[in-house]
Amino acid sequence: MSDLYAEALSTFAALFEEAKQSREVEPNAMTVATADVQGRPSARTVLLKAFDERGFVFYTHLDSHKGNELQANPQAALLFLWRSLREAGIQVRIEGRVEQVADAEADAYFASRPRMSQIGAWASLQSKTLNTREEFDARVAEAEARFDGKDVPRPDGWSGLRVVPDRIEFWYGAQFRLHERWCYEAGAEGRWSKRLLYP
């Protein structure tokens, strides 16, 4: 790991801790932007569940809308917005390729989830058409009965996705839009650079 990449991760870790200690309601909330093979973009908010030098991890059904897009076009952009931090909020923008986490890592995370969240993963056909809410409630009840008195295993097709960054930008908000922006970026050969951007 290069010194500049280590610096970027350390900066993120410090800001993330600051956000967790602040009045931010969901500091690990992040927007995930994807695009299909035709380049049509879509975005949604998910929760960051882990990060280290390998990248930033969230979990989903792989046959969901975002799962399908990321399998066809494994590139994503992440955005954290912590409005309550410092003078006028902080944003962190992360871009990079996407890879699936190892089964053992996904199994360990799934086992740590609340039981009803585990049941919900079995009951949901994420992003597919749902005719009525009662239909989903029935699927939840079926999953509860199926695993009554047993551990709930991770469903096939439910896993973690890791965004391996090649660009990380820290956006420090200031009044009158006189922001401070620092960009860390990996070149084609993998060497990281750091530069200041105009606001």
N, C-alpha and C. Protein backbone atom coordinates (compact mmCIF):
# COMPACT_ATOMS: atom_id res chain seq x y z
N MET A 1 0.84 -1.19 0.00
CA MET A 1 0.00 0.00 0.00
C MET A 1 0.88 1.24 0.00
N SER A 2 0.65 2.14 -0.95
CA SER A 2 1.47 3.34 -1.04
C SER A 2 1.19 4.28 0.12
N ASP A 3 2.15 5.18 0.38
CA ASP A 3 1.99 6.14 1.47
C ASP A 3 0.78 7.03 1.25
N LEU A 4 0.55 7.48 0.00
CA LEU A 4 -0.58 8.37 -0.26
C LEU A 4 -1.92 7.64 -0.13
N TYR A 5 -1.98 6.39 -0.56
CA TYR A 5 -3.22 5.63 -0.38
C TYR A 5 -3.47 5.40 1.12
N ALA A 6 -2.42 5.09 1.86
CA ALA A 6 -2.55 4.93 3.31
C ALA A 6 -3.03 6.24 3.95
N GLU A 7 -2.52 7.36 3.47
CA GLU A 7 -2.94 8.67 3.98
C GLU A 7 -4.43 8.91 3.70
N ALA A 8 -4.87 8.57 2.49
CA ALA A 8 -6.28 8.75 2.15
C ALA A 8 -7.18 7.88 3.03
N LEU A 9 -6.81 6.63 3.25
CA LEU A 9 -7.61 5.75 4.10
C LEU A 9 -7.62 6.23 5.54
N SER A 10 -6.47 6.72 6.02
CA SER A 10 -6.39 7.25 7.37
C SER A 10 -7.27 8.49 7.53
N THR A 11 -7.27 9.34 6.51
CA THR A 11 -8.13 10.52 6.53
C THR A 11 -9.59 10.12 6.56
N PHE A 12 -9.96 9.14 5.73
CA PHE A 12 -11.35 8.67 5.74
C PHE A 12 -11.72 8.11 7.11
N ALA A 13 -10.84 7.30 7.68
CA ALA A 13 -11.14 6.68 8.97
C ALA A 13 -11.36 7.74 10.05
N ALA A 14 -10.53 8.79 10.04
CA ALA A 14 -10.67 9.86 11.03
C ALA A 14 -11.98 10.62 10.84
N LEU A 15 -12.34 10.92 9.59
CA LEU A 15 -13.59 11.63 9.32
C LEU A 15 -14.80 10.76 9.64
N PHE A 16 -14.70 9.47 9.33
CA PHE A 16 -15.80 8.56 9.63
C PHE A 16 -16.03 8.48 11.13
N GLU A 17 -14.96 8.42 11.89
CA GLU A 17 -15.08 8.41 13.35
C GLU A 17 -15.69 9.72 13.85
N GLU A 18 -15.27 10.82 13.26
CA GLU A 18 -15.84 12.13 13.62
C GLU A 18 -17.34 12.15 13.33
N ALA A 19 -17.73 11.59 12.18
CA ALA A 19 -19.15 11.54 11.82
C ALA A 19 -19.93 10.66 12.81
N LYS A 20 -19.32 9.55 13.24
CA LYS A 20 -20.01 8.65 14.18
C LYS A 20 -20.20 9.32 15.54
N GLN A 21 -19.30 10.25 15.89
CA GLN A 21 -19.40 10.95 17.17
C GLN A 21 -20.26 12.21 17.07
N SER A 22 -20.72 12.54 15.88
CA SER A 22 -21.49 13.76 15.64
C SER A 22 -22.98 13.48 15.74
N ARG A 23 -23.78 14.43 15.31
CA ARG A 23 -25.23 14.25 15.33
C ARG A 23 -25.76 13.66 14.02
N GLU A 24 -24.86 13.16 13.17
CA GLU A 24 -25.30 12.48 11.96
C GLU A 24 -26.15 11.27 12.33
N VAL A 25 -27.31 11.14 11.72
CA VAL A 25 -28.24 10.06 12.06
C VAL A 25 -27.70 8.71 11.60
N GLU A 26 -27.13 8.65 10.41
CA GLU A 26 -26.64 7.39 9.83
C GLU A 26 -25.29 7.66 9.17
N PRO A 27 -24.23 7.75 9.96
CA PRO A 27 -22.94 8.16 9.38
C PRO A 27 -22.39 7.19 8.34
N ASN A 28 -22.83 5.93 8.35
CA ASN A 28 -22.33 4.97 7.36
C ASN A 28 -23.20 4.91 6.12
N ALA A 29 -24.18 5.82 6.01
CA ALA A 29 -24.99 5.89 4.79
C ALA A 29 -24.16 6.46 3.65
N MET A 30 -24.27 5.83 2.49
CA MET A 30 -23.54 6.32 1.32
C MET A 30 -24.38 6.09 0.08
N THR A 31 -24.29 7.01 -0.84
CA THR A 31 -24.92 6.84 -2.15
C THR A 31 -24.01 5.97 -3.00
N VAL A 32 -24.60 4.98 -3.65
CA VAL A 32 -23.87 4.14 -4.59
C VAL A 32 -24.42 4.42 -5.98
N ALA A 33 -23.57 4.91 -6.86
CA ALA A 33 -23.96 5.17 -8.24
C ALA A 33 -23.37 4.09 -9.14
N THR A 34 -24.22 3.57 -10.02
CA THR A 34 -23.82 2.54 -10.97
C THR A 34 -24.29 2.95 -12.36
N ALA A 35 -23.90 2.19 -13.35
CA ALA A 35 -24.40 2.41 -14.71
C ALA A 35 -24.53 1.06 -15.39
N ASP A 36 -25.53 0.96 -16.27
CA ASP A 36 -25.67 -0.29 -17.01
C ASP A 36 -24.70 -0.28 -18.20
N VAL A 37 -24.75 -1.32 -19.00
CA VAL A 37 -23.78 -1.44 -20.10
C VAL A 37 -24.00 -0.38 -21.17
N GLN A 38 -25.19 0.24 -21.20
CA GLN A 38 -25.44 1.34 -22.13
C GLN A 38 -25.02 2.68 -21.55
N GLY A 39 -24.55 2.68 -20.30
CA GLY A 39 -24.11 3.91 -19.67
C GLY A 39 -25.21 4.66 -18.94
N ARG A 40 -26.41 4.09 -18.84
CA ARG A 40 -27.51 4.76 -18.13
C ARG A 40 -27.26 4.65 -16.63
N PRO A 41 -27.17 5.79 -15.92
CA PRO A 41 -26.82 5.75 -14.49
C PRO A 41 -28.03 5.52 -13.59
N SER A 42 -27.76 5.04 -12.40
CA SER A 42 -28.75 4.97 -11.33
C SER A 42 -28.01 5.08 -10.00
N ALA A 43 -28.72 5.53 -8.97
CA ALA A 43 -28.10 5.73 -7.66
C ALA A 43 -29.10 5.39 -6.57
N ARG A 44 -28.56 4.97 -5.43
CA ARG A 44 -29.37 4.65 -4.27
C ARG A 44 -28.48 4.75 -3.03
N THR A 45 -29.12 4.82 -1.86
CA THR A 45 -28.37 4.89 -0.61
C THR A 45 -28.30 3.51 0.01
N VAL A 46 -27.10 3.11 0.42
CA VAL A 46 -26.89 1.85 1.13
C VAL A 46 -26.02 2.16 2.35
N LEU A 47 -25.67 1.14 3.10
CA LEU A 47 -24.86 1.32 4.30
C LEU A 47 -23.48 0.69 4.13
N LEU A 48 -22.46 1.45 4.44
CA LEU A 48 -21.10 0.91 4.47
C LEU A 48 -21.00 -0.07 5.64
N LYS A 49 -20.50 -1.27 5.38
CA LYS A 49 -20.40 -2.28 6.43
C LYS A 49 -18.96 -2.62 6.79
N ALA A 50 -18.01 -2.27 5.95
CA ALA A 50 -16.60 -2.53 6.27
C ALA A 50 -15.75 -1.72 5.31
N PHE A 51 -14.56 -1.37 5.77
CA PHE A 51 -13.57 -0.79 4.86
C PHE A 51 -12.18 -1.07 5.41
N ASP A 52 -11.25 -1.26 4.50
CA ASP A 52 -9.83 -1.43 4.83
C ASP A 52 -9.06 -1.16 3.55
N GLU A 53 -7.79 -1.56 3.51
CA GLU A 53 -6.97 -1.26 2.34
C GLU A 53 -7.48 -1.96 1.07
N ARG A 54 -8.35 -2.97 1.23
CA ARG A 54 -8.91 -3.67 0.06
C ARG A 54 -10.06 -2.90 -0.57
N GLY A 55 -10.73 -2.02 0.21
CA GLY A 55 -11.83 -1.25 -0.34
C GLY A 55 -12.98 -1.09 0.63
N PHE A 56 -14.14 -0.69 0.08
CA PHE A 56 -15.32 -0.30 0.85
C PHE A 56 -16.46 -1.26 0.51
N VAL A 57 -17.05 -1.88 1.54
CA VAL A 57 -17.97 -3.00 1.33
C VAL A 57 -19.40 -2.67 1.74
N PHE A 58 -20.34 -3.08 0.89
CA PHE A 58 -21.76 -3.07 1.23
C PHE A 58 -22.34 -4.41 0.77
N TYR A 59 -23.56 -4.72 1.24
CA TYR A 59 -24.17 -6.02 0.96
C TYR A 59 -25.49 -5.85 0.23
N THR A 60 -25.81 -6.83 -0.60
CA THR A 60 -27.02 -6.76 -1.41
C THR A 60 -27.34 -8.13 -2.01
N HIS A 61 -28.53 -8.24 -2.58
CA HIS A 61 -28.85 -9.37 -3.44
C HIS A 61 -28.15 -9.13 -4.78
N LEU A 62 -27.44 -10.11 -5.27
CA LEU A 62 -26.69 -9.93 -6.51
C LEU A 62 -27.59 -9.84 -7.74
N ASP A 63 -28.84 -10.31 -7.62
CA ASP A 63 -29.76 -10.18 -8.74
C ASP A 63 -30.70 -8.99 -8.58
N SER A 64 -30.36 -8.06 -7.67
CA SER A 64 -31.10 -6.80 -7.56
C SER A 64 -30.71 -5.90 -8.72
N HIS A 65 -31.35 -4.76 -8.81
CA HIS A 65 -31.03 -3.81 -9.89
C HIS A 65 -29.55 -3.42 -9.84
N LYS A 66 -29.07 -3.02 -8.66
CA LYS A 66 -27.66 -2.62 -8.57
C LYS A 66 -26.73 -3.81 -8.74
N GLY A 67 -27.14 -4.98 -8.22
CA GLY A 67 -26.32 -6.17 -8.37
C GLY A 67 -26.13 -6.55 -9.82
N ASN A 68 -27.21 -6.50 -10.58
CA ASN A 68 -27.12 -6.82 -12.00
C ASN A 68 -26.25 -5.81 -12.75
N GLU A 69 -26.42 -4.53 -12.44
CA GLU A 69 -25.62 -3.52 -13.10
C GLU A 69 -24.14 -3.70 -12.78
N LEU A 70 -23.84 -4.00 -11.53
CA LEU A 70 -22.43 -4.11 -11.14
C LEU A 70 -21.79 -5.40 -11.66
N GLN A 71 -22.56 -6.41 -11.92
CA GLN A 71 -21.99 -7.60 -12.55
C GLN A 71 -21.72 -7.35 -14.03
N ALA A 72 -22.58 -6.55 -14.68
CA ALA A 72 -22.40 -6.26 -16.10
C ALA A 72 -21.35 -5.16 -16.33
N ASN A 73 -21.26 -4.24 -15.39
CA ASN A 73 -20.36 -3.09 -15.52
C ASN A 73 -19.76 -2.83 -14.14
N PRO A 74 -18.72 -3.55 -13.74
CA PRO A 74 -18.21 -3.53 -12.37
C PRO A 74 -17.40 -2.28 -12.01
N GLN A 75 -18.06 -1.14 -12.11
CA GLN A 75 -17.49 0.14 -11.70
C GLN A 75 -18.56 0.88 -10.89
N ALA A 76 -18.14 1.59 -9.85
CA ALA A 76 -19.11 2.31 -9.03
C ALA A 76 -18.50 3.58 -8.46
N ALA A 77 -19.37 4.48 -8.07
CA ALA A 77 -18.98 5.68 -7.34
C ALA A 77 -19.76 5.70 -6.03
N LEU A 78 -19.07 6.07 -4.96
CA LEU A 78 -19.69 6.19 -3.63
C LEU A 78 -19.65 7.66 -3.21
N LEU A 79 -20.65 8.06 -2.46
CA LEU A 79 -20.67 9.42 -1.92
C LEU A 79 -21.16 9.40 -0.49
N PHE A 80 -20.32 9.90 0.42
CA PHE A 80 -20.71 10.14 1.80
C PHE A 80 -20.95 11.64 1.95
N LEU A 81 -22.04 12.02 2.60
CA LEU A 81 -22.32 13.42 2.89
C LEU A 81 -22.62 13.54 4.38
N TRP A 82 -21.72 14.21 5.08
CA TRP A 82 -21.88 14.44 6.51
C TRP A 82 -22.11 15.94 6.71
N ARG A 83 -23.38 16.34 6.68
CA ARG A 83 -23.74 17.76 6.68
C ARG A 83 -23.39 18.48 7.97
N SER A 84 -23.36 17.77 9.09
CA SER A 84 -23.17 18.44 10.38
C SER A 84 -21.70 18.66 10.74
N LEU A 85 -20.78 18.16 9.93
CA LEU A 85 -19.37 18.26 10.31
C LEU A 85 -18.75 19.59 9.91
N ARG A 86 -17.97 20.14 10.80
CA ARG A 86 -17.13 21.31 10.57
C ARG A 86 -17.95 22.52 10.12
N GLU A 87 -17.32 23.35 9.30
CA GLU A 87 -17.93 24.64 8.96
C GLU A 87 -19.20 24.50 8.11
N ALA A 88 -19.15 23.66 7.09
CA ALA A 88 -20.29 23.55 6.18
C ALA A 88 -20.42 22.14 5.60
N GLY A 89 -20.10 21.14 6.40
CA GLY A 89 -20.25 19.76 5.97
C GLY A 89 -19.03 19.22 5.24
N ILE A 90 -18.97 17.91 5.17
CA ILE A 90 -17.88 17.22 4.48
C ILE A 90 -18.49 16.17 3.56
N GLN A 91 -17.95 16.08 2.36
CA GLN A 91 -18.29 14.99 1.44
C GLN A 91 -17.02 14.18 1.18
N VAL A 92 -17.22 12.89 0.98
CA VAL A 92 -16.14 12.02 0.51
C VAL A 92 -16.66 11.30 -0.72
N ARG A 93 -15.94 11.43 -1.82
CA ARG A 93 -16.28 10.78 -3.08
C ARG A 93 -15.25 9.69 -3.37
N ILE A 94 -15.74 8.50 -3.69
CA ILE A 94 -14.86 7.35 -3.94
C ILE A 94 -15.30 6.71 -5.25
N GLU A 95 -14.35 6.42 -6.12
CA GLU A 95 -14.65 5.76 -7.39
C GLU A 95 -13.70 4.58 -7.57
N GLY A 96 -14.20 3.52 -8.20
CA GLY A 96 -13.33 2.39 -8.46
C GLY A 96 -14.06 1.18 -9.00
N ARG A 97 -13.30 0.13 -9.21
CA ARG A 97 -13.88 -1.12 -9.71
C ARG A 97 -14.53 -1.88 -8.56
N VAL A 98 -15.37 -2.80 -8.91
CA VAL A 98 -16.16 -3.54 -7.92
C VAL A 98 -15.87 -5.03 -8.04
N GLU A 99 -15.71 -5.67 -6.89
CA GLU A 99 -15.53 -7.12 -6.84
C GLU A 99 -16.38 -7.70 -5.72
N GLN A 100 -16.73 -8.96 -5.85
CA GLN A 100 -17.51 -9.64 -4.82
C GLN A 100 -16.59 -10.07 -3.70
N VAL A 101 -17.07 -9.96 -2.45
CA VAL A 101 -16.25 -10.41 -1.32
C VAL A 101 -16.23 -11.94 -1.29
N ALA A 102 -15.28 -12.50 -0.56
CA ALA A 102 -15.18 -13.95 -0.41
C ALA A 102 -16.40 -14.48 0.35
N ASP A 103 -16.77 -15.73 0.05
CA ASP A 103 -17.92 -16.34 0.71
C ASP A 103 -17.79 -16.31 2.23
N ALA A 104 -16.58 -16.57 2.73
CA ALA A 104 -16.39 -16.61 4.19
C ALA A 104 -16.66 -15.24 4.81
N GLU A 105 -16.27 -14.19 4.12
CA GLU A 105 -16.51 -12.83 4.62
C GLU A 105 -18.01 -12.53 4.61
N ALA A 106 -18.70 -12.90 3.54
CA ALA A 106 -20.14 -12.69 3.46
C ALA A 106 -20.89 -13.51 4.51
N ASP A 107 -20.44 -14.76 4.71
CA ASP A 107 -21.07 -15.62 5.73
C ASP A 107 -20.94 -15.00 7.12
N ALA A 108 -19.75 -14.50 7.42
CA ALA A 108 -19.50 -13.93 8.75
C ALA A 108 -20.36 -12.69 8.97
N TYR A 109 -20.46 -11.84 7.95
CA TYR A 109 -21.30 -10.64 8.12
C TYR A 109 -22.77 -11.03 8.25
N PHE A 110 -23.23 -11.95 7.40
CA PHE A 110 -24.64 -12.35 7.45
C PHE A 110 -24.99 -12.90 8.83
N ALA A 111 -24.09 -13.68 9.41
CA ALA A 111 -24.34 -14.27 10.73
C ALA A 111 -24.44 -13.21 11.82
N SER A 112 -23.86 -12.03 11.58
CA SER A 112 -23.89 -10.96 12.59
C SER A 112 -25.16 -10.11 12.51
N ARG A 113 -25.95 -10.29 11.46
CA ARG A 113 -27.15 -9.47 11.27
C ARG A 113 -28.25 -9.88 12.25
N PRO A 114 -29.16 -8.94 12.59
CA PRO A 114 -30.33 -9.34 13.38
C PRO A 114 -31.12 -10.43 12.66
N ARG A 115 -31.72 -11.30 13.42
CA ARG A 115 -32.41 -12.45 12.82
C ARG A 115 -33.46 -12.02 11.79
N MET A 116 -34.24 -10.99 12.11
CA MET A 116 -35.28 -10.59 11.16
C MET A 116 -34.69 -10.01 9.88
N SER A 117 -33.51 -9.42 9.96
CA SER A 117 -32.83 -8.98 8.74
C SER A 117 -32.40 -10.19 7.90
N GLN A 118 -31.98 -11.25 8.59
CA GLN A 118 -31.63 -12.49 7.88
C GLN A 118 -32.87 -13.09 7.21
N ILE A 119 -33.97 -13.11 7.95
CA ILE A 119 -35.23 -13.63 7.39
C ILE A 119 -35.65 -12.79 6.19
N GLY A 120 -35.52 -11.48 6.32
CA GLY A 120 -35.90 -10.60 5.22
C GLY A 120 -35.11 -10.85 3.96
N ALA A 121 -33.83 -11.20 4.11
CA ALA A 121 -33.00 -11.50 2.94
C ALA A 121 -33.53 -12.72 2.19
N TRP A 122 -34.09 -13.69 2.92
CA TRP A 122 -34.69 -14.86 2.27
C TRP A 122 -36.03 -14.51 1.65
N ALA A 123 -36.79 -13.63 2.30
CA ALA A 123 -38.15 -13.33 1.84
C ALA A 123 -38.18 -12.40 0.64
N SER A 124 -37.19 -11.54 0.52
CA SER A 124 -37.23 -10.51 -0.52
C SER A 124 -36.66 -10.99 -1.85
N LEU A 125 -37.38 -10.70 -2.90
CA LEU A 125 -36.87 -10.84 -4.27
C LEU A 125 -36.49 -9.43 -4.70
N GLN A 126 -35.38 -8.94 -4.17
CA GLN A 126 -35.04 -7.52 -4.23
C GLN A 126 -35.13 -6.95 -5.64
N SER A 127 -35.84 -5.84 -5.76
CA SER A 127 -36.03 -5.07 -7.00
C SER A 127 -37.04 -5.69 -7.96
N LYS A 128 -37.54 -6.90 -7.66
CA LYS A 128 -38.56 -7.51 -8.52
C LYS A 128 -39.94 -6.93 -8.18
N THR A 129 -40.88 -7.05 -9.10
CA THR A 129 -42.23 -6.53 -8.88
C THR A 129 -42.92 -7.30 -7.76
N LEU A 130 -43.55 -6.56 -6.84
CA LEU A 130 -44.30 -7.13 -5.72
C LEU A 130 -45.77 -6.76 -5.92
N ASN A 131 -46.63 -7.75 -6.01
CA ASN A 131 -48.04 -7.48 -6.30
C ASN A 131 -48.77 -6.81 -5.15
N THR A 132 -48.54 -7.31 -3.93
CA THR A 132 -49.17 -6.71 -2.74
C THR A 132 -48.21 -6.83 -1.56
N ARG A 133 -48.40 -5.96 -0.57
CA ARG A 133 -47.59 -6.07 0.64
C ARG A 133 -47.86 -7.39 1.35
N GLU A 134 -49.10 -7.86 1.26
CA GLU A 134 -49.46 -9.13 1.90
C GLU A 134 -48.65 -10.29 1.35
N GLU A 135 -48.33 -10.23 0.07
CA GLU A 135 -47.50 -11.28 -0.54
C GLU A 135 -46.12 -11.33 0.12
N PHE A 136 -45.54 -10.15 0.36
CA PHE A 136 -44.23 -10.11 1.02
C PHE A 136 -44.34 -10.59 2.47
N ASP A 137 -45.39 -10.14 3.18
CA ASP A 137 -45.60 -10.58 4.56
C ASP A 137 -45.70 -12.10 4.64
N ALA A 138 -46.36 -12.70 3.65
CA ALA A 138 -46.48 -14.16 3.63
C ALA A 138 -45.13 -14.81 3.41
N ARG A 139 -44.29 -14.23 2.55
CA ARG A 139 -42.95 -14.78 2.31
C ARG A 139 -42.10 -14.67 3.59
N VAL A 140 -42.25 -13.57 4.33
CA VAL A 140 -41.55 -13.44 5.60
C VAL A 140 -41.99 -14.54 6.57
N ALA A 141 -43.29 -14.75 6.66
CA ALA A 141 -43.82 -15.79 7.56
C ALA A 141 -43.31 -17.18 7.15
N GLU A 142 -43.26 -17.44 5.85
CA GLU A 142 -42.75 -18.72 5.36
C GLU A 142 -41.29 -18.92 5.75
N ALA A 143 -40.48 -17.86 5.61
CA ALA A 143 -39.07 -17.97 5.96
C ALA A 143 -38.90 -18.17 7.47
N GLU A 144 -39.71 -17.47 8.27
CA GLU A 144 -39.65 -17.65 9.73
C GLU A 144 -39.97 -19.10 10.09
N ALA A 145 -40.99 -19.67 9.46
CA ALA A 145 -41.36 -21.06 9.75
C ALA A 145 -40.26 -22.03 9.29
N ARG A 146 -39.69 -21.75 8.14
CA ARG A 146 -38.65 -22.64 7.58
C ARG A 146 -37.45 -22.74 8.50
N PHE A 147 -37.07 -21.62 9.12
CA PHE A 147 -35.87 -21.60 9.94
C PHE A 147 -36.17 -21.55 11.44
N ASP A 148 -37.39 -21.90 11.81
CA ASP A 148 -37.77 -21.90 13.23
C ASP A 148 -36.84 -22.80 14.03
N GLY A 149 -36.22 -22.25 15.05
CA GLY A 149 -35.33 -23.03 15.91
C GLY A 149 -33.98 -23.33 15.31
N LYS A 150 -33.66 -22.74 14.15
CA LYS A 150 -32.38 -23.01 13.48
C LYS A 150 -31.69 -21.70 13.14
N ASP A 151 -30.38 -21.79 12.95
CA ASP A 151 -29.66 -20.63 12.42
C ASP A 151 -30.12 -20.38 10.99
N VAL A 152 -30.11 -19.11 10.61
CA VAL A 152 -30.51 -18.74 9.25
C VAL A 152 -29.24 -18.63 8.40
N PRO A 153 -29.09 -19.46 7.39
CA PRO A 153 -27.89 -19.39 6.56
C PRO A 153 -27.98 -18.23 5.56
N ARG A 154 -26.86 -17.85 5.02
CA ARG A 154 -26.85 -16.81 3.99
C ARG A 154 -27.46 -17.37 2.71
N PRO A 155 -28.43 -16.66 2.12
CA PRO A 155 -29.03 -17.15 0.88
C PRO A 155 -28.03 -17.13 -0.28
N ASP A 156 -28.20 -18.06 -1.20
CA ASP A 156 -27.44 -17.99 -2.44
C ASP A 156 -27.79 -16.67 -3.13
N GLY A 157 -26.81 -16.01 -3.69
CA GLY A 157 -27.09 -14.78 -4.41
C GLY A 157 -27.15 -13.55 -3.54
N TRP A 158 -26.87 -13.67 -2.26
CA TRP A 158 -26.81 -12.52 -1.36
C TRP A 158 -25.36 -12.42 -0.90
N SER A 159 -24.72 -11.30 -1.14
CA SER A 159 -23.31 -11.22 -0.81
C SER A 159 -22.87 -9.77 -0.67
N GLY A 160 -21.58 -9.61 -0.44
CA GLY A 160 -21.00 -8.29 -0.32
C GLY A 160 -20.30 -7.89 -1.60
N LEU A 161 -20.30 -6.59 -1.86
CA LEU A 161 -19.58 -6.02 -2.98
C LEU A 161 -18.59 -5.00 -2.44
N ARG A 162 -17.38 -5.09 -2.96
CA ARG A 162 -16.30 -4.22 -2.49
C ARG A 162 -15.91 -3.25 -3.61
N VAL A 163 -15.95 -1.96 -3.31
CA VAL A 163 -15.46 -0.96 -4.24
C VAL A 163 -13.98 -0.74 -3.94
N VAL A 164 -13.15 -1.09 -4.91
CA VAL A 164 -11.69 -0.97 -4.79
C VAL A 164 -11.32 0.40 -5.38
N PRO A 165 -10.97 1.36 -4.55
CA PRO A 165 -10.86 2.73 -5.07
C PRO A 165 -9.63 2.98 -5.92
N ASP A 166 -9.84 3.80 -6.95
CA ASP A 166 -8.72 4.38 -7.67
C ASP A 166 -8.79 5.91 -7.63
N ARG A 167 -9.82 6.43 -6.94
CA ARG A 167 -9.95 7.87 -6.75
C ARG A 167 -10.72 8.12 -5.45
N ILE A 168 -10.18 8.97 -4.59
CA ILE A 168 -10.84 9.36 -3.35
C ILE A 168 -10.71 10.87 -3.22
N GLU A 169 -11.84 11.54 -3.07
CA GLU A 169 -11.82 12.99 -2.93
C GLU A 169 -12.45 13.40 -1.60
N PHE A 170 -11.77 14.29 -0.89
CA PHE A 170 -12.28 14.85 0.35
C PHE A 170 -12.70 16.30 0.08
N TRP A 171 -13.94 16.59 0.33
CA TRP A 171 -14.55 17.88 0.04
C TRP A 171 -14.95 18.52 1.37
N TYR A 172 -14.20 19.54 1.78
CA TYR A 172 -14.45 20.22 3.04
C TYR A 172 -15.24 21.49 2.75
N GLY A 173 -16.51 21.51 3.16
CA GLY A 173 -17.38 22.63 2.85
C GLY A 173 -16.97 23.90 3.59
N ALA A 174 -17.18 25.03 2.93
CA ALA A 174 -16.92 26.34 3.52
C ALA A 174 -18.01 27.31 3.08
N GLN A 175 -18.16 28.38 3.82
CA GLN A 175 -19.16 29.38 3.45
C GLN A 175 -18.82 29.99 2.10
N PHE A 176 -19.88 30.47 1.42
CA PHE A 176 -19.76 31.14 0.13
C PHE A 176 -19.17 30.21 -0.94
N ARG A 177 -19.28 28.91 -0.69
CA ARG A 177 -18.80 27.89 -1.63
C ARG A 177 -17.29 27.99 -1.88
N LEU A 178 -16.57 28.45 -0.87
CA LEU A 178 -15.10 28.52 -0.97
C LEU A 178 -14.52 27.24 -0.37
N HIS A 179 -14.93 26.11 -0.93
CA HIS A 179 -14.61 24.81 -0.36
C HIS A 179 -13.14 24.44 -0.57
N GLU A 180 -12.72 23.44 0.18
CA GLU A 180 -11.36 22.88 0.01
C GLU A 180 -11.52 21.43 -0.44
N ARG A 181 -10.89 21.09 -1.54
CA ARG A 181 -11.05 19.75 -2.12
C ARG A 181 -9.68 19.13 -2.37
N TRP A 182 -9.49 17.93 -1.79
CA TRP A 182 -8.25 17.18 -1.99
C TRP A 182 -8.57 15.88 -2.72
N CYS A 183 -7.86 15.63 -3.78
CA CYS A 183 -8.10 14.44 -4.61
C CYS A 183 -6.88 13.52 -4.56
N TYR A 184 -7.12 12.27 -4.19
CA TYR A 184 -6.10 11.20 -4.26
C TYR A 184 -6.50 10.31 -5.42
N GLU A 185 -5.56 10.01 -6.30
CA GLU A 185 -5.90 9.26 -7.50
C GLU A 185 -4.78 8.31 -7.89
N ALA A 186 -5.18 7.10 -8.29
CA ALA A 186 -4.21 6.11 -8.77
C ALA A 186 -4.12 6.21 -10.28
N GLY A 187 -2.90 6.31 -10.80
CA GLY A 187 -2.70 6.33 -12.23
C GLY A 187 -2.82 4.94 -12.83
N ALA A 188 -2.64 4.87 -14.15
CA ALA A 188 -2.77 3.59 -14.85
C ALA A 188 -1.83 2.53 -14.30
N GLU A 189 -0.67 2.94 -13.82
CA GLU A 189 0.31 1.99 -13.29
C GLU A 189 0.10 1.72 -11.80
N GLY A 190 -0.94 2.34 -11.22
CA GLY A 190 -1.26 2.10 -9.82
C GLY A 190 -0.58 3.03 -8.83
N ARG A 191 0.20 3.98 -9.32
CA ARG A 191 0.87 4.93 -8.43
C ARG A 191 -0.10 6.03 -8.04
N TRP A 192 -0.19 6.31 -6.72
CA TRP A 192 -1.13 7.30 -6.21
C TRP A 192 -0.52 8.70 -6.24
N SER A 193 -1.37 9.68 -6.53
CA SER A 193 -0.98 11.09 -6.49
C SER A 193 -1.99 11.85 -5.64
N LYS A 194 -1.64 13.06 -5.26
CA LYS A 194 -2.52 13.89 -4.45
C LYS A 194 -2.47 15.31 -5.00
N ARG A 195 -3.65 15.92 -5.16
CA ARG A 195 -3.67 17.28 -5.65
C ARG A 195 -4.85 18.04 -5.07
N LEU A 196 -4.71 19.34 -5.03
CA LEU A 196 -5.77 20.23 -4.57
C LEU A 196 -6.59 20.66 -5.77
N LEU A 197 -7.93 20.68 -5.62
CA LEU A 197 -8.83 21.05 -6.70
C LEU A 197 -9.50 22.38 -6.41
N TYR A 198 -9.78 23.15 -7.46
CA TYR A 198 -10.62 24.33 -7.29
C TYR A 198 -11.99 23.91 -6.79
N PRO A 199 -12.61 24.74 -5.95
CA PRO A 199 -13.97 24.40 -5.49
C PRO A 199 -15.00 24.54 -6.61
